[in-house]
Amino acid sequence: MLPPLSDARRVTLFQLAALTCVSALCLIPFASVSSSIGSPQSARRPPAELPLRLPADSAAALPVALRDPFAASPRAER
């Protein structure tokens, strides 16, 4: 079991927690600033030249569905 905290340590932990929360709140405006490198429209939609399918020589095996999870099974209809 942990030893009980003294009042001085509680005050120090509270001050540290308050400083962390205030620091995070002060950094919110910097996180919401958009980048000046590209336009906002180009950041929202992917470029059209990117392929949306896996290449044929891909090392990833495509999953095979053994059954349709949304179709009713004969056992569930009874």
Protein backbone atom coordinates (compact mmCIF):
# COMPACT_ATOMS: atom_id res chain seq x y z
CA MET A 1 0.00 0.00 0.00
CA LEU A 2 1.20 3.51 -0.72
CA PRO A 3 2.09 5.76 2.18
CA PRO A 4 -0.28 8.70 2.82
CA LEU A 5 0.62 12.00 1.21
CA SER A 6 1.55 15.01 3.26
CA ASP A 7 -0.23 18.31 2.73
CA ALA A 8 2.83 19.80 1.02
CA ARG A 9 2.95 16.98 -1.52
CA ARG A 10 -0.79 17.27 -2.18
CA VAL A 11 -0.40 20.97 -2.88
CA THR A 12 2.55 20.29 -5.20
CA LEU A 13 0.60 17.59 -7.10
CA PHE A 14 -2.42 19.88 -7.40
CA GLN A 15 -0.26 22.71 -8.75
CA LEU A 16 1.38 20.37 -11.26
CA ALA A 17 -2.02 19.07 -12.42
CA ALA A 18 -3.37 22.61 -12.74
CA LEU A 19 -0.30 23.71 -14.71
CA THR A 20 -0.71 20.74 -17.07
CA CYS A 21 -4.39 21.50 -17.69
CA VAL A 22 -3.80 25.21 -18.25
CA SER A 23 -0.88 24.48 -20.59
CA ALA A 24 -3.06 22.17 -22.68
CA LEU A 25 -5.82 24.79 -22.86
CA CYS A 26 -3.33 27.47 -23.91
CA LEU A 27 -2.01 25.28 -26.74
CA ILE A 28 -5.44 24.66 -28.33
CA PRO A 29 -5.28 27.74 -30.62
CA PHE A 30 -1.93 26.59 -32.01
CA ALA A 31 -3.29 23.12 -32.76
CA SER A 32 -6.26 24.50 -34.67
CA VAL A 33 -4.20 26.68 -37.04
CA SER A 34 -4.18 25.19 -40.53
CA SER A 35 -1.01 24.63 -42.48
CA SER A 36 0.08 27.31 -44.93
CA ILE A 37 1.68 24.76 -47.27
CA GLY A 38 -1.45 23.66 -49.14
CA SER A 39 -4.99 24.79 -49.65
CA PRO A 40 -7.70 23.52 -47.28
CA GLN A 41 -9.56 21.88 -50.19
CA SER A 42 -6.56 19.75 -51.15
CA ALA A 43 -6.21 18.51 -47.57
CA ARG A 44 -9.81 17.33 -47.38
CA ARG A 45 -10.06 15.07 -50.41
CA PRO A 46 -7.54 12.51 -51.59
CA PRO A 47 -5.87 13.00 -54.95
CA ALA A 48 -7.62 11.23 -57.84
CA GLU A 49 -4.45 9.51 -59.04
CA LEU A 50 -4.14 7.29 -55.96
CA PRO A 51 -5.39 3.74 -56.60
CA LEU A 52 -8.19 2.57 -54.35
CA ARG A 53 -7.55 -1.15 -54.89
CA LEU A 54 -4.68 -3.35 -53.83
CA PRO A 55 -2.16 -4.08 -56.57
CA ALA A 56 -2.27 -7.60 -58.02
CA ASP A 57 1.20 -8.43 -56.73
CA SER A 58 0.38 -7.35 -53.19
CA ALA A 59 1.74 -9.49 -50.38
CA ALA A 60 -1.46 -9.08 -48.36
CA ALA A 61 -3.89 -11.95 -48.70
CA LEU A 62 -7.47 -10.90 -49.33
CA PRO A 63 -9.93 -12.11 -46.69
CA VAL A 64 -12.48 -14.72 -47.66
CA ALA A 65 -15.89 -14.64 -46.00
CA LEU A 66 -17.04 -18.03 -44.82
CA ARG A 67 -20.63 -16.85 -44.39
CA ASP A 68 -22.66 -13.67 -44.59
CA PRO A 69 -22.99 -12.39 -41.00
CA PHE A 70 -26.11 -10.40 -41.89
CA ALA A 71 -28.02 -13.23 -43.55
CA ALA A 72 -30.38 -15.27 -41.40
CA SER A 73 -29.19 -18.78 -40.74
CA PRO A 74 -31.61 -21.74 -40.82
CA ARG A 75 -31.15 -22.19 -37.07
CA ALA A 76 -32.19 -18.58 -36.34
CA GLU A 77 -35.43 -18.86 -38.36
CA ARG A 78 -36.89 -21.58 -36.14
